[in-house]
Amino acid sequence: MHAPPCPVCQSATRLLDVVDFTKSCEELRGKYYVPIGFAIYYALCQSCHFCFAPAMHQWTPEDFKRHVYNDDYVIFDPDYREIRPNAQANLLLTNFQDITPHRTHLDYGSGNGSLSARLRAHGWASTAWDPFSGQTPPIHTLGTFDLITAFEVFEHVPDLAGLMDHLSRLATEHSLILFSTALSDGHIHPTKRLDWWYAAPRNGHISLFSRQSLAHLAARAHFNYVSLSDNFHIFFKNLPAWARHLIPESPSR
C-alpha cells in the first residue's frame, strides 16, 4: 500500500494503521460490528498531521453510494435523519437570531435537506445542496450566500481541493462558513493504533483534521480560520457584523 503525498499540504505521509471497513462511529455507543475482511488503510501526514484513507480518497461517487451511502447507512449513523438536523437547527436559530429575513443560507452537504426545511419554517432563506442528492442543481448555478454551513461534511470529503473551490465560489468577501468536524489533536499519534471512534470508514470518515491541517486548508483559499471548539469551526475573509459575537475579535489572516 503506497502512502501518497498529503492532500492538504503535499508533504510526505506514512501509513499509520489499518482498520476493517465496518469500523463506525457507533463505537462511541459501545456498538461494534462483525469485521468483513475489507481492509482500509489510513495514512498520516508528517507535517500538518492530516490523517486520511488513501484508497477511499480514490473512490468515485458511485463507489460511495454503493458501499457507504446506501440503505444500510442509517444503521451506522442513526442520528442523521432527525436528531442531528434538529440540534443543528436549534444551534443556528439560537446563535443567528438577527440573520433573517435579510440573509441567505446554504447548507452544504445537506443530506436529506432536513436542516434547511426546518430553517425555512422559521423564515430563513435557506437552500440545501448535497452531491449525493439526485435533485441537486450544479454548484455553479447556486450563486453566493451570507452564511454557509457544512455540518459533519469535511471528514467525508475525498477531494479537498474541490471542497475549497466550492466554498470559495459560494462565499463572498463578507460571508461566514460555519462547519463541524472533530479535531484529531490528542487522538491520533504516529506510534499508536488508530482506535479513535471518529476514524470510521463505514460512516465515510476518510479525512481527519488536526488544527494545523485546517489552518493550512484555510490559508490555501485565503480564508481566516478560527476553531470555536474541538468540533465547531469558521472560515471567513472579513467577519460579518452579525457574526462578531462568535469570537471576541477578528484575527489576522
C-alpha atoms as a PDB file:
ATOM      1  CA  MET A   1       0.000   0.000   0.000  1.00  0.00           C
ATOM      2  CA  HIS A   2       1.566   3.270  -1.148  1.00  0.00           C
ATOM      3  CA  ALA A   3       1.276   6.383   1.044  1.00  0.00           C
ATOM      4  CA  PRO A   4       0.701   9.322  -1.327  1.00  0.00           C
ATOM      5  CA  PRO A   5       1.556  12.967  -0.573  1.00  0.00           C
ATOM      6  CA  CYS A   6      -0.702  14.758   1.886  1.00  0.00           C
ATOM      7  CA  PRO A   7      -3.847  16.085   0.147  1.00  0.00           C
ATOM      8  CA  VAL A   8      -3.719  19.184   2.378  1.00  0.00           C
ATOM      9  CA  CYS A   9      -0.088  20.326   2.352  1.00  0.00           C
ATOM     10  CA  GLN A  10       1.590  17.930  -0.119  1.00  0.00           C
ATOM     11  CA  SER A  11       4.135  16.793   2.476  1.00  0.00           C
ATOM     12  CA  ALA A  12       5.241  13.206   2.917  1.00  0.00           C
ATOM     13  CA  THR A  13       2.930  10.766   4.671  1.00  0.00           C
ATOM     14  CA  ARG A  14       3.328   7.357   6.271  1.00  0.00           C
ATOM     15  CA  LEU A  15       0.875   4.538   6.648  1.00  0.00           C
ATOM     16  CA  LEU A  16      -0.448   4.696  10.184  1.00  0.00           C
ATOM     17  CA  ASP A  17      -2.765   1.730  10.653  1.00  0.00           C
ATOM     18  CA  VAL A  18      -5.372  -0.470   9.033  1.00  0.00           C
ATOM     19  CA  VAL A  19      -8.959  -0.983  10.205  1.00  0.00           C
ATOM     20  CA  ASP A  20     -11.868  -3.045   8.948  1.00  0.00           C
ATOM     21  CA  PHE A  21     -14.385  -1.249   6.755  1.00  0.00           C
ATOM     22  CA  THR A  22     -17.136  -1.915   9.313  1.00  0.00           C
ATOM     23  CA  LYS A  23     -15.473   0.359  11.911  1.00  0.00           C
ATOM     24  CA  SER A  24     -18.128   3.002  12.606  1.00  0.00           C
ATOM     25  CA  CYS A  25     -18.938   5.922  14.895  1.00  0.00           C
ATOM     26  CA  GLU A  26     -21.335   3.660  16.771  1.00  0.00           C
ATOM     27  CA  GLU A  27     -18.245   2.536  18.707  1.00  0.00           C
ATOM     28  CA  LEU A  28     -18.874   5.630  20.834  1.00  0.00           C
ATOM     29  CA  ARG A  29     -22.095   3.968  21.980  1.00  0.00           C
ATOM     30  CA  GLY A  30     -20.421   0.625  22.569  1.00  0.00           C
ATOM     31  CA  LYS A  31     -21.649  -0.947  19.323  1.00  0.00           C
ATOM     32  CA  TYR A  32     -19.106  -2.970  17.361  1.00  0.00           C
ATOM     33  CA  TYR A  33     -19.863  -4.724  14.099  1.00  0.00           C
ATOM     34  CA  VAL A  34     -18.518  -8.011  12.783  1.00  0.00           C
ATOM     35  CA  PRO A  35     -15.435  -7.429  10.574  1.00  0.00           C
ATOM     36  CA  ILE A  36     -15.892  -8.372   6.939  1.00  0.00           C
ATOM     37  CA  GLY A  37     -12.213  -8.538   5.973  1.00  0.00           C
ATOM     38  CA  PHE A  38     -12.304  -5.315   3.926  1.00  0.00           C
ATOM     39  CA  ALA A  39      -9.056  -3.583   4.935  1.00  0.00           C
ATOM     40  CA  ILE A  40      -8.958   0.221   4.981  1.00  0.00           C
ATOM     41  CA  TYR A  41      -5.528   1.784   5.488  1.00  0.00           C
ATOM     42  CA  TYR A  42      -5.081   5.263   6.958  1.00  0.00           C
ATOM     43  CA  ALA A  43      -2.018   7.448   6.351  1.00  0.00           C
ATOM     44  CA  LEU A  44      -0.736  10.314   8.492  1.00  0.00           C
ATOM     45  CA  CYS A  45       0.967  13.472   7.236  1.00  0.00           C
ATOM     46  CA  GLN A  46       4.300  14.071   8.933  1.00  0.00           C
ATOM     47  CA  SER A  47       3.903  17.845   8.651  1.00  0.00           C
ATOM     48  CA  CYS A  48       0.297  19.021   9.181  1.00  0.00           C
ATOM     49  CA  HIS A  49      -0.896  15.748  10.791  1.00  0.00           C
ATOM     50  CA  PHE A  50      -3.818  15.270   8.420  1.00  0.00           C
ATOM     51  CA  CYS A  51      -4.966  11.633   8.544  1.00  0.00           C
ATOM     52  CA  PHE A  52      -6.775  10.031   5.622  1.00  0.00           C
ATOM     53  CA  ALA A  53      -7.722   6.794   3.866  1.00  0.00           C
ATOM     54  CA  PRO A  54      -5.772   6.870   0.563  1.00  0.00           C
ATOM     55  CA  ALA A  55      -7.733   4.134  -1.215  1.00  0.00           C
ATOM     56  CA  MET A  56     -11.126   5.629  -0.370  1.00  0.00           C
ATOM     57  CA  HIS A  57      -9.868   9.037  -1.476  1.00  0.00           C
ATOM     58  CA  GLN A  58      -9.766   7.481  -4.953  1.00  0.00           C
ATOM     59  CA  TRP A  59     -13.341   6.192  -4.859  1.00  0.00           C
ATOM     60  CA  THR A  60     -15.926   7.503  -7.305  1.00  0.00           C
ATOM     61  CA  PRO A  61     -19.300   8.903  -6.190  1.00  0.00           C
ATOM     62  CA  GLU A  62     -20.790   5.615  -7.374  1.00  0.00           C
ATOM     63  CA  ASP A  63     -18.422   3.705  -5.057  1.00  0.00           C
ATOM     64  CA  PHE A  64     -19.580   5.776  -2.087  1.00  0.00           C
ATOM     65  CA  LYS A  65     -23.242   5.307  -2.977  1.00  0.00           C
ATOM     66  CA  ARG A  66     -22.752   1.557  -3.255  1.00  0.00           C
ATOM     67  CA  HIS A  67     -20.649   0.945  -0.154  1.00  0.00           C
ATOM     68  CA  VAL A  68     -21.312   3.831   2.266  1.00  0.00           C
ATOM     69  CA  TYR A  69     -24.378   5.963   1.496  1.00  0.00           C
ATOM     70  CA  ASN A  70     -26.693   3.044   0.846  1.00  0.00           C
ATOM     71  CA  ASP A  71     -29.870   1.772   2.528  1.00  0.00           C
ATOM     72  CA  ASP A  72     -27.844   0.441   5.475  1.00  0.00           C
ATOM     73  CA  TYR A  73     -26.224   3.785   6.278  1.00  0.00           C
ATOM     74  CA  VAL A  74     -28.827   4.600   8.933  1.00  0.00           C
ATOM     75  CA  ILE A  75     -27.664   1.554  10.920  1.00  0.00           C
ATOM     76  CA  PHE A  76     -24.251   3.136  11.348  1.00  0.00           C
ATOM     77  CA  ASP A  77     -25.490   6.730  11.739  1.00  0.00           C
ATOM     78  CA  PRO A  78     -28.992   6.639  13.246  1.00  0.00           C
ATOM     79  CA  ASP A  79     -28.933  10.348  14.180  1.00  0.00           C
ATOM     80  CA  TYR A  80     -28.587  11.784  10.689  1.00  0.00           C
ATOM     81  CA  ARG A  81     -32.285  11.766   9.772  1.00  0.00           C
ATOM     82  CA  GLU A  82     -33.863  13.644  12.681  1.00  0.00           C
ATOM     83  CA  ILE A  83     -31.735  14.085  15.807  1.00  0.00           C
ATOM     84  CA  ARG A  84     -28.761  15.880  14.270  1.00  0.00           C
ATOM     85  CA  PRO A  85     -30.764  18.211  11.945  1.00  0.00           C
ATOM     86  CA  ASN A  86     -32.941  19.251  14.906  1.00  0.00           C
ATOM     87  CA  ALA A  87     -29.875  20.015  17.030  1.00  0.00           C
ATOM     88  CA  GLN A  88     -28.223  21.941  14.193  1.00  0.00           C
ATOM     89  CA  ALA A  89     -31.358  23.983  13.543  1.00  0.00           C
ATOM     90  CA  ASN A  90     -31.599  24.891  17.222  1.00  0.00           C
ATOM     91  CA  LEU A  91     -27.933  25.899  17.197  1.00  0.00           C
ATOM     92  CA  LEU A  92     -28.400  28.247  14.244  1.00  0.00           C
ATOM     93  CA  LEU A  93     -31.684  29.703  15.453  1.00  0.00           C
ATOM     94  CA  THR A  94     -30.111  30.447  18.823  1.00  0.00           C
ATOM     95  CA  ASN A  95     -26.867  31.962  17.544  1.00  0.00           C
ATOM     96  CA  PHE A  96     -28.133  33.862  14.492  1.00  0.00           C
ATOM     97  CA  GLN A  97     -31.431  35.365  15.565  1.00  0.00           C
ATOM     98  CA  ASP A  98     -30.842  38.518  13.500  1.00  0.00           C
ATOM     99  CA  ILE A  99     -29.933  36.819  10.223  1.00  0.00           C
ATOM    100  CA  THR A 100     -33.449  36.544   8.775  1.00  0.00           C
ATOM    101  CA  PRO A 101     -35.035  37.621   6.537  1.00  0.00           C
ATOM    102  CA  HIS A 102     -32.212  39.666   5.026  1.00  0.00           C
ATOM    103  CA  ARG A 103     -29.509  36.983   4.786  1.00  0.00           C
ATOM    104  CA  THR A 104     -29.181  33.884   2.627  1.00  0.00           C
ATOM    105  CA  HIS A 105     -28.093  30.491   3.925  1.00  0.00           C
ATOM    106  CA  LEU A 106     -26.739  27.371   2.231  1.00  0.00           C
ATOM    107  CA  ASP A 107     -26.473  24.012   3.951  1.00  0.00           C
ATOM    108  CA  TYR A 108     -23.573  22.423   2.067  1.00  0.00           C
ATOM    109  CA  GLY A 109     -23.590  18.624   2.215  1.00  0.00           C
ATOM    110  CA  SER A 110     -27.171  18.733   3.418  1.00  0.00           C
ATOM    111  CA  GLY A 111     -28.053  15.052   3.246  1.00  0.00           C
ATOM    112  CA  ASN A 112     -31.826  14.783   3.022  1.00  0.00           C
ATOM    113  CA  GLY A 113     -32.303  18.547   3.392  1.00  0.00           C
ATOM    114  CA  SER A 114     -33.950  18.375   6.820  1.00  0.00           C
ATOM    115  CA  LEU A 115     -31.940  21.252   8.284  1.00  0.00           C
ATOM    116  CA  SER A 116     -32.887  23.702   5.543  1.00  0.00           C
ATOM    117  CA  ALA A 117     -36.526  22.662   5.761  1.00  0.00           C
ATOM    118  CA  ARG A 118     -36.559  23.417   9.495  1.00  0.00           C
ATOM    119  CA  LEU A 119     -34.920  26.804   8.973  1.00  0.00           C
ATOM    120  CA  ARG A 120     -37.309  27.769   6.184  1.00  0.00           C
ATOM    121  CA  ALA A 121     -40.166  27.035   8.572  1.00  0.00           C
ATOM    122  CA  HIS A 122     -38.682  29.781  10.764  1.00  0.00           C
ATOM    123  CA  GLY A 123     -38.438  32.292   7.918  1.00  0.00           C
ATOM    124  CA  TRP A 124     -34.878  31.633   6.776  1.00  0.00           C
ATOM    125  CA  ALA A 125     -33.912  31.894   3.112  1.00  0.00           C
ATOM    126  CA  SER A 126     -32.189  28.508   3.271  1.00  0.00           C
ATOM    127  CA  THR A 127     -31.035  26.275   0.422  1.00  0.00           C
ATOM    128  CA  ALA A 128     -29.911  22.643   0.694  1.00  0.00           C
ATOM    129  CA  TRP A 129     -27.155  21.193  -1.503  1.00  0.00           C
ATOM    130  CA  ASP A 130     -25.711  17.698  -1.401  1.00  0.00           C
ATOM    131  CA  PRO A 131     -23.631  15.919  -4.069  1.00  0.00           C
ATOM    132  CA  PHE A 132     -25.415  12.624  -3.409  1.00  0.00           C
ATOM    133  CA  SER A 133     -28.896  14.045  -3.884  1.00  0.00           C
ATOM    134  CA  GLY A 134     -30.436  13.212  -7.228  1.00  0.00           C
ATOM    135  CA  GLN A 135     -32.189  16.601  -7.381  1.00  0.00           C
ATOM    136  CA  THR A 136     -29.176  18.764  -6.531  1.00  0.00           C
ATOM    137  CA  PRO A 137     -28.507  21.565  -9.056  1.00  0.00           C
ATOM    138  CA  PRO A 138     -24.973  22.156 -10.381  1.00  0.00           C
ATOM    139  CA  ILE A 139     -22.834  24.003  -7.848  1.00  0.00           C
ATOM    140  CA  HIS A 140     -22.088  26.858 -10.245  1.00  0.00           C
ATOM    141  CA  THR A 141     -25.795  27.714 -10.522  1.00  0.00           C
ATOM    142  CA  LEU A 142     -26.296  28.391  -6.818  1.00  0.00           C
ATOM    143  CA  GLY A 143     -24.803  31.866  -6.532  1.00  0.00           C
ATOM    144  CA  THR A 144     -23.361  33.151  -3.246  1.00  0.00           C
ATOM    145  CA  PHE A 145     -24.599  33.093   0.338  1.00  0.00           C
ATOM    146  CA  ASP A 146     -24.187  35.096   3.516  1.00  0.00           C
ATOM    147  CA  LEU A 147     -23.982  32.018   5.745  1.00  0.00           C
ATOM    148  CA  ILE A 148     -22.741  28.616   4.616  1.00  0.00           C
ATOM    149  CA  THR A 149     -22.938  25.649   6.948  1.00  0.00           C
ATOM    150  CA  ALA A 150     -21.223  22.299   6.459  1.00  0.00           C
ATOM    151  CA  PHE A 151     -22.083  20.142   9.443  1.00  0.00           C
ATOM    152  CA  GLU A 152     -20.270  16.795   9.574  1.00  0.00           C
ATOM    153  CA  VAL A 153     -19.090  17.200   5.980  1.00  0.00           C
ATOM    154  CA  PHE A 154     -15.319  17.781   5.895  1.00  0.00           C
ATOM    155  CA  GLU A 155     -14.466  14.309   7.235  1.00  0.00           C
ATOM    156  CA  HIS A 156     -16.407  12.741   4.341  1.00  0.00           C
ATOM    157  CA  VAL A 157     -14.675  14.626   1.525  1.00  0.00           C
ATOM    158  CA  PRO A 158     -12.037  12.903  -0.656  1.00  0.00           C
ATOM    159  CA  ASP A 159     -11.432  15.910  -2.930  1.00  0.00           C
ATOM    160  CA  LEU A 160     -10.279  18.681  -0.591  1.00  0.00           C
ATOM    161  CA  ALA A 161      -9.215  20.983  -3.419  1.00  0.00           C
ATOM    162  CA  GLY A 162     -12.703  20.636  -4.879  1.00  0.00           C
ATOM    163  CA  LEU A 163     -14.279  21.345  -1.485  1.00  0.00           C
ATOM    164  CA  MET A 164     -12.334  24.576  -1.042  1.00  0.00           C
ATOM    165  CA  ASP A 165     -13.051  25.623  -4.625  1.00  0.00           C
ATOM    166  CA  HIS A 166     -16.774  25.167  -3.954  1.00  0.00           C
ATOM    167  CA  LEU A 167     -16.671  27.160  -0.727  1.00  0.00           C
ATOM    168  CA  SER A 168     -14.671  29.934  -2.378  1.00  0.00           C
ATOM    169  CA  ARG A 169     -17.237  30.172  -5.179  1.00  0.00           C
ATOM    170  CA  LEU A 170     -20.200  30.163  -2.785  1.00  0.00           C
ATOM    171  CA  ALA A 171     -18.790  32.743  -0.359  1.00  0.00           C
ATOM    172  CA  THR A 172     -18.387  36.479  -0.739  1.00  0.00           C
ATOM    173  CA  GLU A 173     -15.843  38.715   0.954  1.00  0.00           C
ATOM    174  CA  HIS A 174     -18.291  39.038   3.868  1.00  0.00           C
ATOM    175  CA  SER A 175     -19.674  35.502   4.152  1.00  0.00           C
ATOM    176  CA  LEU A 176     -19.322  33.197   7.125  1.00  0.00           C
ATOM    177  CA  ILE A 177     -18.630  29.476   6.706  1.00  0.00           C
ATOM    178  CA  LEU A 178     -19.566  27.519   9.828  1.00  0.00           C
ATOM    179  CA  PHE A 179     -18.650  23.846   9.835  1.00  0.00           C
ATOM    180  CA  SER A 180     -18.276  20.962  12.228  1.00  0.00           C
ATOM    181  CA  THR A 181     -15.716  18.203  12.291  1.00  0.00           C
ATOM    182  CA  ALA A 182     -13.957  16.682  15.288  1.00  0.00           C
ATOM    183  CA  LEU A 183     -10.309  17.689  15.673  1.00  0.00           C
ATOM    184  CA  SER A 184      -7.843  14.820  15.791  1.00  0.00           C
ATOM    185  CA  ASP A 185      -5.351  16.576  18.115  1.00  0.00           C
ATOM    186  CA  GLY A 186      -4.670  14.308  21.074  1.00  0.00           C
ATOM    187  CA  HIS A 187      -6.488  11.373  19.456  1.00  0.00           C
ATOM    188  CA  ILE A 188      -4.140  10.288  16.651  1.00  0.00           C
ATOM    189  CA  HIS A 189      -0.484   9.520  17.318  1.00  0.00           C
ATOM    190  CA  PRO A 190       2.171   8.231  14.879  1.00  0.00           C
ATOM    191  CA  THR A 191       3.182   5.401  17.252  1.00  0.00           C
ATOM    192  CA  LYS A 192      -0.303   4.376  18.376  1.00  0.00           C
ATOM    193  CA  ARG A 193      -3.047   2.231  16.865  1.00  0.00           C
ATOM    194  CA  LEU A 194      -5.882   4.146  15.227  1.00  0.00           C
ATOM    195  CA  ASP A 195      -8.549   3.484  17.854  1.00  0.00           C
ATOM    196  CA  TRP A 196     -10.278   6.898  17.751  1.00  0.00           C
ATOM    197  CA  TRP A 197     -14.037   6.392  17.345  1.00  0.00           C
ATOM    198  CA  TYR A 198     -14.224   9.185  14.735  1.00  0.00           C
ATOM    199  CA  ALA A 199     -11.970   7.230  12.368  1.00  0.00           C
ATOM    200  CA  ALA A 200     -14.872   5.319  10.844  1.00  0.00           C
ATOM    201  CA  PRO A 201     -14.763   4.199   7.207  1.00  0.00           C
ATOM    202  CA  ARG A 202     -18.293   2.747   7.334  1.00  0.00           C
ATOM    203  CA  ASN A 203     -19.554   6.261   8.078  1.00  0.00           C
ATOM    204  CA  GLY A 204     -17.418   7.670   5.268  1.00  0.00           C
ATOM    205  CA  HIS A 205     -14.990   9.342   7.691  1.00  0.00           C
ATOM    206  CA  ILE A 206     -11.956   9.290   5.444  1.00  0.00           C
ATOM    207  CA  SER A 207     -10.454  12.756   6.164  1.00  0.00           C
ATOM    208  CA  LEU A 208      -9.462  13.507   9.759  1.00  0.00           C
ATOM    209  CA  PHE A 209      -8.254  17.029  10.517  1.00  0.00           C
ATOM    210  CA  SER A 210      -5.843  18.459  13.029  1.00  0.00           C
ATOM    211  CA  ARG A 211      -5.923  22.186  13.817  1.00  0.00           C
ATOM    212  CA  GLN A 212      -2.774  22.629  11.759  1.00  0.00           C
ATOM    213  CA  SER A 213      -4.276  20.927   8.720  1.00  0.00           C
ATOM    214  CA  LEU A 214      -7.433  23.072   8.884  1.00  0.00           C
ATOM    215  CA  ALA A 215      -5.270  26.187   9.141  1.00  0.00           C
ATOM    216  CA  HIS A 216      -3.317  25.111   6.074  1.00  0.00           C
ATOM    217  CA  LEU A 217      -6.512  24.362   4.143  1.00  0.00           C
ATOM    218  CA  ALA A 218      -7.925  27.786   5.001  1.00  0.00           C
ATOM    219  CA  ALA A 219      -4.734  29.613   4.031  1.00  0.00           C
ATOM    220  CA  ARG A 220      -4.734  27.993   0.592  1.00  0.00           C
ATOM    221  CA  ALA A 221      -8.148  29.560  -0.067  1.00  0.00           C
ATOM    222  CA  HIS A 222      -7.223  32.900   1.594  1.00  0.00           C
ATOM    223  CA  PHE A 223      -9.685  32.379   4.451  1.00  0.00           C
ATOM    224  CA  ASN A 224      -9.232  33.216   8.102  1.00  0.00           C
ATOM    225  CA  TYR A 225      -9.763  30.191  10.329  1.00  0.00           C
ATOM    226  CA  VAL A 226     -10.956  30.002  13.935  1.00  0.00           C
ATOM    227  CA  SER A 227     -11.879  26.926  15.940  1.00  0.00           C
ATOM    228  CA  LEU A 228     -14.750  27.799  18.246  1.00  0.00           C
ATOM    229  CA  SER A 229     -14.358  24.425  19.991  1.00  0.00           C
ATOM    230  CA  ASP A 230     -12.935  20.985  19.232  1.00  0.00           C
ATOM    231  CA  ASN A 231     -15.922  20.394  16.954  1.00  0.00           C
ATOM    232  CA  PHE A 232     -17.078  23.727  15.506  1.00  0.00           C
ATOM    233  CA  HIS A 233     -15.015  25.997  13.263  1.00  0.00           C
ATOM    234  CA  ILE A 234     -15.385  29.012  10.997  1.00  0.00           C
ATOM    235  CA  PHE A 235     -13.781  30.240   7.768  1.00  0.00           C
ATOM    236  CA  PHE A 236     -14.178  33.835   6.597  1.00  0.00           C
ATOM    237  CA  LYS A 237     -12.386  36.647   4.817  1.00  0.00           C
ATOM    238  CA  ASN A 238     -13.999  39.574   6.615  1.00  0.00           C
ATOM    239  CA  LEU A 239     -16.006  38.648   9.681  1.00  0.00           C
ATOM    240  CA  PRO A 240     -19.563  39.930   9.143  1.00  0.00           C
ATOM    241  CA  ALA A 241     -21.030  42.167  11.823  1.00  0.00           C
ATOM    242  CA  TRP A 242     -23.861  39.726  12.532  1.00  0.00           C
ATOM    243  CA  ALA A 243     -21.307  37.017  13.405  1.00  0.00           C
ATOM    244  CA  ARG A 244     -18.920  39.012  15.581  1.00  0.00           C
ATOM    245  CA  HIS A 245     -20.442  37.602  18.743  1.00  0.00           C
ATOM    246  CA  LEU A 246     -18.896  34.221  17.885  1.00  0.00           C
ATOM    247  CA  ILE A 247     -15.351  35.390  18.647  1.00  0.00           C
ATOM    248  CA  PRO A 248     -14.007  38.353  20.656  1.00  0.00           C
ATOM    249  CA  GLU A 249     -12.238  39.971  17.714  1.00  0.00           C
ATOM    250  CA  SER A 250     -11.294  39.224  14.139  1.00  0.00           C
ATOM    251  CA  PRO A 251      -7.832  37.589  13.903  1.00  0.00           C
ATOM    252  CA  SER A 252      -5.323  38.464  11.264  1.00  0.00           C
ATOM    253  CA  ARG A 253      -5.200  36.197   8.234  1.00  0.00           C
END
